[in-house]
Amino acid sequence: MTSTAEHTQKTVHDRARPIPHNRALGARGEALAAAYLESHGYRILDRNWRNRSGELDLVAQDRAMLVAIEVKTRSGDGYGNPLEAITARKMARLRRLLLDWAREHDARGGGLRVDAVGITIRPGGAPRIDHLRGIS
């Protein structure tokens, strides 16, 4: 039998264990999304840009448009399509963050847009990439 302190320590350790996997999965998804977007004519301007209000996964240029891209990555279909995790509140925050990015980088001309890329990585299979343009 373990003491309460040992049990608590083990529980905290068990909860902390998936975090590196999730970060690695997210980083892989963002790399796949960037490569996909570049192959479709986007120019990646920034990755993981942050300010006090949040983070933009990718910032890109698509012709004259400045685009914030939210990337959601899953390691299977168990939790549904990754894009279902993007709420209206999240979209509103992404729009504000893109405006902040544009101001900070003195980006002028063209319009602003928010896209979403959902990546599903299945063991032994090619990743599935779903790209939604102009989600906001």
C-alpha atoms as a PDB file:
ATOM      1  CA  MET A   1       0.000   0.000   0.000  1.00  0.00           C
ATOM      2  CA  THR A   2       1.291   3.474  -0.860  1.00  0.00           C
ATOM      3  CA  SER A   3       1.071   6.507   1.347  1.00  0.00           C
ATOM      4  CA  THR A   4      -1.080   9.476   0.379  1.00  0.00           C
ATOM      5  CA  ALA A   5       2.010  11.495  -0.546  1.00  0.00           C
ATOM      6  CA  GLU A   6       3.272   8.730  -2.820  1.00  0.00           C
ATOM      7  CA  HIS A   7      -0.164   8.371  -4.409  1.00  0.00           C
ATOM      8  CA  THR A   8      -0.465  12.107  -5.008  1.00  0.00           C
ATOM      9  CA  GLN A   9       3.018  12.258  -6.479  1.00  0.00           C
ATOM     10  CA  LYS A  10       2.269   9.378  -8.824  1.00  0.00           C
ATOM     11  CA  THR A  11      -1.040  10.933  -9.917  1.00  0.00           C
ATOM     12  CA  VAL A  12       0.609  14.275 -10.674  1.00  0.00           C
ATOM     13  CA  HIS A  13       3.364  12.472 -12.579  1.00  0.00           C
ATOM     14  CA  ASP A  14       0.801  10.475 -14.579  1.00  0.00           C
ATOM     15  CA  ARG A  15      -1.117  13.618 -15.523  1.00  0.00           C
ATOM     16  CA  ALA A  16       2.067  15.405 -16.574  1.00  0.00           C
ATOM     17  CA  ARG A  17       3.273  12.562 -18.789  1.00  0.00           C
ATOM     18  CA  PRO A  18       1.057  13.277 -21.885  1.00  0.00           C
ATOM     19  CA  ILE A  19       2.093  16.942 -22.123  1.00  0.00           C
ATOM     20  CA  PRO A  20       5.347  16.344 -24.043  1.00  0.00           C
ATOM     21  CA  HIS A  21       3.478  13.994 -26.415  1.00  0.00           C
ATOM     22  CA  ASN A  22       0.786  16.641 -27.030  1.00  0.00           C
ATOM     23  CA  ARG A  23       3.392  19.333 -27.643  1.00  0.00           C
ATOM     24  CA  ALA A  24       5.289  17.103 -30.047  1.00  0.00           C
ATOM     25  CA  LEU A  25       2.047  16.194 -31.822  1.00  0.00           C
ATOM     26  CA  GLY A  26       1.111  19.876 -32.082  1.00  0.00           C
ATOM     27  CA  ALA A  27       4.551  20.826 -33.403  1.00  0.00           C
ATOM     28  CA  ARG A  28       4.370  18.060 -36.002  1.00  0.00           C
ATOM     29  CA  GLY A  29       0.900  19.210 -37.034  1.00  0.00           C
ATOM     30  CA  GLU A  30       2.061  22.806 -37.394  1.00  0.00           C
ATOM     31  CA  ALA A  31       5.017  21.703 -39.538  1.00  0.00           C
ATOM     32  CA  LEU A  32       2.703  19.632 -41.760  1.00  0.00           C
ATOM     33  CA  ALA A  33       0.257  22.545 -42.028  1.00  0.00           C
ATOM     34  CA  ALA A  34       3.035  24.996 -42.954  1.00  0.00           C
ATOM     35  CA  ALA A  35       4.367  22.661 -45.665  1.00  0.00           C
ATOM     36  CA  TYR A  36       0.839  22.107 -47.011  1.00  0.00           C
ATOM     37  CA  LEU A  37       0.114  25.836 -47.093  1.00  0.00           C
ATOM     38  CA  GLU A  38       3.433  26.648 -48.768  1.00  0.00           C
ATOM     39  CA  SER A  39       2.676  24.024 -51.432  1.00  0.00           C
ATOM     40  CA  HIS A  40      -0.569  25.933 -52.074  1.00  0.00           C
ATOM     41  CA  GLY A  41       1.126  29.314 -52.542  1.00  0.00           C
ATOM     42  CA  TYR A  42       1.058  30.697 -48.995  1.00  0.00           C
ATOM     43  CA  ARG A  43       4.162  32.392 -47.631  1.00  0.00           C
ATOM     44  CA  ILE A  44       4.698  31.669 -43.931  1.00  0.00           C
ATOM     45  CA  LEU A  45       5.595  34.911 -42.129  1.00  0.00           C
ATOM     46  CA  ASP A  46       5.584  33.803 -38.486  1.00  0.00           C
ATOM     47  CA  ARG A  47       5.125  30.737 -36.275  1.00  0.00           C
ATOM     48  CA  ASN A  48       3.865  30.594 -32.704  1.00  0.00           C
ATOM     49  CA  TRP A  49       3.649  34.381 -32.348  1.00  0.00           C
ATOM     50  CA  ARG A  50       2.488  35.411 -28.886  1.00  0.00           C
ATOM     51  CA  ASN A  51       1.392  38.453 -27.010  1.00  0.00           C
ATOM     52  CA  ARG A  52      -0.437  38.896 -23.709  1.00  0.00           C
ATOM     53  CA  SER A  53      -3.769  38.009 -25.353  1.00  0.00           C
ATOM     54  CA  GLY A  54      -2.774  34.656 -26.824  1.00  0.00           C
ATOM     55  CA  GLU A  55      -0.936  32.898 -29.624  1.00  0.00           C
ATOM     56  CA  LEU A  56      -1.179  32.557 -33.383  1.00  0.00           C
ATOM     57  CA  ASP A  57       0.027  29.183 -34.630  1.00  0.00           C
ATOM     58  CA  LEU A  58       0.931  30.462 -38.094  1.00  0.00           C
ATOM     59  CA  VAL A  59       0.777  33.816 -39.823  1.00  0.00           C
ATOM     60  CA  ALA A  60       0.972  33.728 -43.598  1.00  0.00           C
ATOM     61  CA  GLN A  61       0.450  35.746 -46.717  1.00  0.00           C
ATOM     62  CA  ASP A  62      -1.980  34.427 -49.330  1.00  0.00           C
ATOM     63  CA  ARG A  63      -1.684  36.793 -52.268  1.00  0.00           C
ATOM     64  CA  ALA A  64      -2.644  40.192 -50.787  1.00  0.00           C
ATOM     65  CA  MET A  65      -4.323  38.699 -47.705  1.00  0.00           C
ATOM     66  CA  LEU A  66      -2.690  38.454 -44.283  1.00  0.00           C
ATOM     67  CA  VAL A  67      -3.869  35.176 -42.778  1.00  0.00           C
ATOM     68  CA  ALA A  68      -3.806  33.766 -39.253  1.00  0.00           C
ATOM     69  CA  ILE A  69      -3.936  29.971 -39.338  1.00  0.00           C
ATOM     70  CA  GLU A  70      -5.159  27.976 -36.361  1.00  0.00           C
ATOM     71  CA  VAL A  71      -3.799  24.436 -36.474  1.00  0.00           C
ATOM     72  CA  LYS A  72      -5.531  21.606 -34.619  1.00  0.00           C
ATOM     73  CA  THR A  73      -3.872  18.192 -34.608  1.00  0.00           C
ATOM     74  CA  ARG A  74      -5.246  14.850 -33.422  1.00  0.00           C
ATOM     75  CA  SER A  75      -3.672  11.405 -33.317  1.00  0.00           C
ATOM     76  CA  GLY A  76      -6.755   9.586 -34.546  1.00  0.00           C
ATOM     77  CA  ASP A  77     -10.481   9.976 -34.982  1.00  0.00           C
ATOM     78  CA  GLY A  78     -11.491   9.207 -31.386  1.00  0.00           C
ATOM     79  CA  TYR A  79     -12.333  12.818 -30.537  1.00  0.00           C
ATOM     80  CA  GLY A  80     -13.881  13.764 -33.874  1.00  0.00           C
ATOM     81  CA  ASN A  81     -12.570  16.153 -36.492  1.00  0.00           C
ATOM     82  CA  PRO A  82      -9.902  18.464 -35.055  1.00  0.00           C
ATOM     83  CA  LEU A  83     -11.621  21.517 -36.550  1.00  0.00           C
ATOM     84  CA  GLU A  84     -14.643  20.947 -34.296  1.00  0.00           C
ATOM     85  CA  ALA A  85     -12.497  22.205 -31.397  1.00  0.00           C
ATOM     86  CA  ILE A  86     -12.477  25.782 -32.769  1.00  0.00           C
ATOM     87  CA  THR A  87     -15.203  27.756 -31.041  1.00  0.00           C
ATOM     88  CA  ALA A  88     -16.722  31.122 -31.953  1.00  0.00           C
ATOM     89  CA  ARG A  89     -14.895  32.628 -28.966  1.00  0.00           C
ATOM     90  CA  LYS A  90     -11.583  31.237 -30.267  1.00  0.00           C
ATOM     91  CA  MET A  91     -12.264  32.663 -33.750  1.00  0.00           C
ATOM     92  CA  ALA A  92     -12.922  36.116 -32.276  1.00  0.00           C
ATOM     93  CA  ARG A  93      -9.654  35.957 -30.314  1.00  0.00           C
ATOM     94  CA  LEU A  94      -7.756  34.890 -33.460  1.00  0.00           C
ATOM     95  CA  ARG A  95      -9.127  37.915 -35.344  1.00  0.00           C
ATOM     96  CA  ARG A  96      -7.982  40.253 -32.547  1.00  0.00           C
ATOM     97  CA  LEU A  97      -4.557  38.586 -32.415  1.00  0.00           C
ATOM     98  CA  LEU A  98      -4.123  38.906 -36.185  1.00  0.00           C
ATOM     99  CA  LEU A  99      -4.897  42.615 -35.945  1.00  0.00           C
ATOM    100  CA  ASP A 100      -2.317  42.893 -33.127  1.00  0.00           C
ATOM    101  CA  TRP A 101       0.249  41.059 -35.297  1.00  0.00           C
ATOM    102  CA  ALA A 102      -0.451  43.353 -38.251  1.00  0.00           C
ATOM    103  CA  ARG A 103      -0.023  46.464 -36.084  1.00  0.00           C
ATOM    104  CA  GLU A 104       3.190  45.179 -34.501  1.00  0.00           C
ATOM    105  CA  HIS A 105       4.680  44.312 -37.904  1.00  0.00           C
ATOM    106  CA  ASP A 106       3.324  47.419 -39.652  1.00  0.00           C
ATOM    107  CA  ALA A 107       1.557  45.204 -42.201  1.00  0.00           C
ATOM    108  CA  ARG A 108      -0.539  47.343 -44.536  1.00  0.00           C
ATOM    109  CA  GLY A 109      -2.682  46.782 -47.575  1.00  0.00           C
ATOM    110  CA  GLY A 110      -4.666  43.694 -48.399  1.00  0.00           C
ATOM    111  CA  GLY A 111      -7.207  42.211 -46.066  1.00  0.00           C
ATOM    112  CA  LEU A 112      -7.144  40.055 -42.985  1.00  0.00           C
ATOM    113  CA  ARG A 113      -8.458  36.496 -42.820  1.00  0.00           C
ATOM    114  CA  VAL A 114      -8.488  33.587 -40.386  1.00  0.00           C
ATOM    115  CA  ASP A 115      -8.091  30.025 -41.691  1.00  0.00           C
ATOM    116  CA  ALA A 116      -8.060  26.716 -39.873  1.00  0.00           C
ATOM    117  CA  VAL A 117      -6.115  23.564 -40.663  1.00  0.00           C
ATOM    118  CA  GLY A 118      -7.074  20.269 -39.076  1.00  0.00           C
ATOM    119  CA  ILE A 119      -4.498  17.483 -39.109  1.00  0.00           C
ATOM    120  CA  THR A 120      -5.352  13.892 -38.236  1.00  0.00           C
ATOM    121  CA  ILE A 121      -2.315  11.663 -37.866  1.00  0.00           C
ATOM    122  CA  ARG A 122      -3.095   7.953 -37.922  1.00  0.00           C
ATOM    123  CA  PRO A 123      -0.434   5.365 -37.136  1.00  0.00           C
ATOM    124  CA  GLY A 124       0.823   3.794 -40.337  1.00  0.00           C
ATOM    125  CA  GLY A 125      -1.161   6.112 -42.599  1.00  0.00           C
ATOM    126  CA  ALA A 126      -0.685   9.419 -44.330  1.00  0.00           C
ATOM    127  CA  PRO A 127      -1.880  12.452 -42.349  1.00  0.00           C
ATOM    128  CA  ARG A 128      -5.282  13.822 -43.277  1.00  0.00           C
ATOM    129  CA  ILE A 129      -5.255  17.582 -43.818  1.00  0.00           C
ATOM    130  CA  ASP A 130      -8.452  19.635 -43.844  1.00  0.00           C
ATOM    131  CA  HIS A 131      -8.124  23.349 -44.674  1.00  0.00           C
ATOM    132  CA  LEU A 132     -10.945  25.817 -44.105  1.00  0.00           C
ATOM    133  CA  ARG A 133     -10.420  29.284 -45.551  1.00  0.00           C
ATOM    134  CA  GLY A 134     -12.025  32.321 -43.975  1.00  0.00           C
ATOM    135  CA  ILE A 135     -13.540  30.759 -40.862  1.00  0.00           C
ATOM    136  CA  SER A 136     -14.233  34.136 -39.276  1.00  0.00           C
END
